Structure formats: structure tokens, C-alpha cells
Amino acid sequence: MNNGFVDMVPALRALANPHRAQIMDWLLDPLTHFPPQRDGCRLKDGVCVGFITDKTGLSQPTVTSHMKALEAAGLVTSKKIKNWVFYKADAAQLQALSAGFDQGARTQS
């Protein structure tokens, strides 16, 4: 059952935090916002949590907490490579979120 905006609440709640919104913005264009990695492809595997930590200036546990919130909301996927976790934006989920707004706008017209 599709509940429209109600289904979007977890994602919107996750994105309501400015740090998480900024991280999502960066993950949507990882080649521009993050340096090359020794392990993992930024596009295919995602961005190492260490690079996200460095870019935000937050502590690693804080960044991990933010990333877990984004993952729980379905906005990012994670992949472990060696001792690190890599995160990438979930394009299909973001497209569905966008489509939900489009559908909501059409029903309001």
C-alpha cells in the first residue's frame, strides 16, 4: 500500500539534519567531492567513511551515526571493504522519493 507522503517520513526525517543533508549532497557527486581512494571505486563501491569524516570535520563515531541514520532511511547503501565501510547514495530510493513528490504535486493540482 502506498501512503504517499507518509511513506517518505523516514527519509525526510533523516534529511532534516543539516549534516546528513550535506553528506547526501556530496554522495550524489562523489567524484567531485571526494579524492581518489586506495580501495574501492567511489562510483561503484561508495565513499570510505574516513573521507566523509575528514570532509565533515566531525568525529568518526558521529559520522557513523549519521550514515546509519541515512542507511536506515534507505537513502544510502553500505559495503565493507577490508576494515572500512563505504557508503553510496541509493539512486533508486532517491528516485522513488522524488517521484513521490511529483505524484503529490499532481494530486494537489
Protein backbone atom coordinates (compact mmCIF):
# COMPACT_ATOMS: atom_id res chain seq x y z
CA MET A 1 0.00 0.00 0.00
CA ASN A 2 1.36 3.40 -0.97
CA ASN A 3 0.69 6.05 1.68
CA GLY A 4 2.25 8.88 -0.30
CA PHE A 5 3.97 11.37 1.95
CA VAL A 6 3.62 9.10 4.99
CA ASP A 7 5.99 6.62 3.32
CA MET A 8 8.53 9.42 2.90
CA VAL A 9 8.71 10.35 6.60
CA PRO A 10 11.83 8.26 7.46
CA ALA A 11 13.80 9.71 4.54
CA LEU A 12 12.63 13.25 5.23
CA ARG A 13 13.44 12.88 8.91
CA ALA A 14 16.95 11.67 8.05
CA LEU A 15 17.48 14.57 5.64
CA ALA A 16 16.20 17.13 8.15
CA ASN A 17 19.62 17.06 9.82
CA PRO A 18 21.92 19.56 8.05
CA HIS A 19 24.99 17.30 8.33
CA ARG A 20 23.16 14.37 6.77
CA ALA A 21 21.71 16.56 4.02
CA GLN A 22 25.20 17.85 3.21
CA ILE A 23 26.66 14.33 3.18
CA MET A 24 23.89 13.22 0.78
CA ASP A 25 24.66 16.15 -1.49
CA TRP A 26 28.32 15.11 -1.59
CA LEU A 27 27.49 11.42 -2.15
CA LEU A 28 25.36 12.32 -5.17
CA ASP A 29 28.55 13.52 -6.89
CA PRO A 30 31.40 11.62 -5.21
CA LEU A 31 33.98 12.25 -7.95
CA THR A 32 33.70 16.00 -7.40
CA HIS A 33 33.58 15.97 -3.61
CA PHE A 34 35.98 13.19 -2.56
CA PRO A 35 39.57 12.31 -3.50
CA PRO A 36 40.53 9.01 -5.17
CA GLN A 37 40.61 6.06 -2.78
CA ARG A 38 43.15 3.29 -2.46
CA ASP A 39 40.40 0.70 -2.02
CA GLY A 40 37.02 0.77 -3.68
CA CYS A 41 35.66 2.80 -6.56
CA ARG A 42 33.84 5.96 -5.46
CA LEU A 43 31.08 5.35 -8.01
CA LYS A 44 30.69 1.57 -7.77
CA ASP A 45 31.52 0.90 -4.11
CA GLY A 46 30.87 4.25 -2.48
CA VAL A 47 32.97 6.62 -0.40
CA CYS A 48 35.05 5.48 2.55
CA VAL A 49 33.67 6.67 5.88
CA GLY A 50 37.13 8.08 6.62
CA PHE A 51 36.85 10.53 3.72
CA ILE A 52 33.35 11.53 4.80
CA THR A 53 34.69 12.08 8.33
CA ASP A 54 37.55 14.23 7.06
CA LYS A 55 35.26 16.34 4.88
CA THR A 56 32.65 16.97 7.58
CA GLY A 57 35.14 17.72 10.34
CA LEU A 58 33.02 15.62 12.69
CA SER A 59 34.24 12.70 14.78
CA GLN A 60 34.20 9.25 13.20
CA PRO A 61 31.54 7.92 15.64
CA THR A 62 29.31 10.91 14.85
CA VAL A 63 29.68 10.37 11.10
CA THR A 64 28.98 6.66 11.53
CA SER A 65 25.81 7.54 13.42
CA HIS A 66 24.72 9.89 10.64
CA MET A 67 25.46 7.27 8.00
CA LYS A 68 23.49 4.61 9.88
CA ALA A 69 20.52 7.00 10.03
CA LEU A 70 20.75 7.59 6.27
CA GLU A 71 21.04 3.85 5.67
CA ALA A 72 18.08 3.06 7.93
CA ALA A 73 16.03 5.56 5.92
CA GLY A 74 17.06 3.76 2.72
CA LEU A 75 18.96 6.72 1.30
CA VAL A 76 22.41 5.09 1.20
CA THR A 77 23.82 1.60 0.95
CA SER A 78 26.95 0.40 2.70
CA LYS A 79 29.68 -2.01 1.72
CA LYS A 80 32.57 -3.23 3.86
CA ILE A 81 35.96 -3.39 2.16
CA LYS A 82 38.84 -4.52 4.34
CA ASN A 83 38.50 -2.56 7.63
CA TRP A 84 36.40 0.28 6.23
CA VAL A 85 32.78 0.89 5.38
CA PHE A 86 31.96 2.60 2.10
CA TYR A 87 28.69 4.45 1.52
CA LYS A 88 26.93 5.41 -1.66
CA ALA A 89 23.65 7.13 -2.41
CA ASP A 90 20.84 4.73 -3.28
CA ALA A 91 19.77 6.20 -6.61
CA ALA A 92 16.62 4.06 -6.89
CA GLN A 93 15.40 5.13 -3.45
CA LEU A 94 16.12 8.79 -4.17
CA GLN A 95 14.26 8.50 -7.48
CA ALA A 96 11.28 6.99 -5.66
CA LEU A 97 11.35 9.84 -3.15
CA SER A 98 11.42 12.37 -5.97
CA ALA A 99 8.58 10.59 -7.77
CA GLY A 100 6.53 10.69 -4.57
CA PHE A 101 6.84 14.47 -4.51
CA ASP A 102 5.92 14.66 -8.18
CA GLN A 103 2.86 12.47 -7.60
CA GLY A 104 1.86 14.53 -4.55
CA ALA A 105 2.13 17.75 -6.55
CA ARG A 106 -0.05 16.32 -9.33
CA THR A 107 -2.79 15.25 -6.92
CA GLN A 108 -2.83 18.73 -5.39
CA SER A 109 -3.42 20.39 -8.78
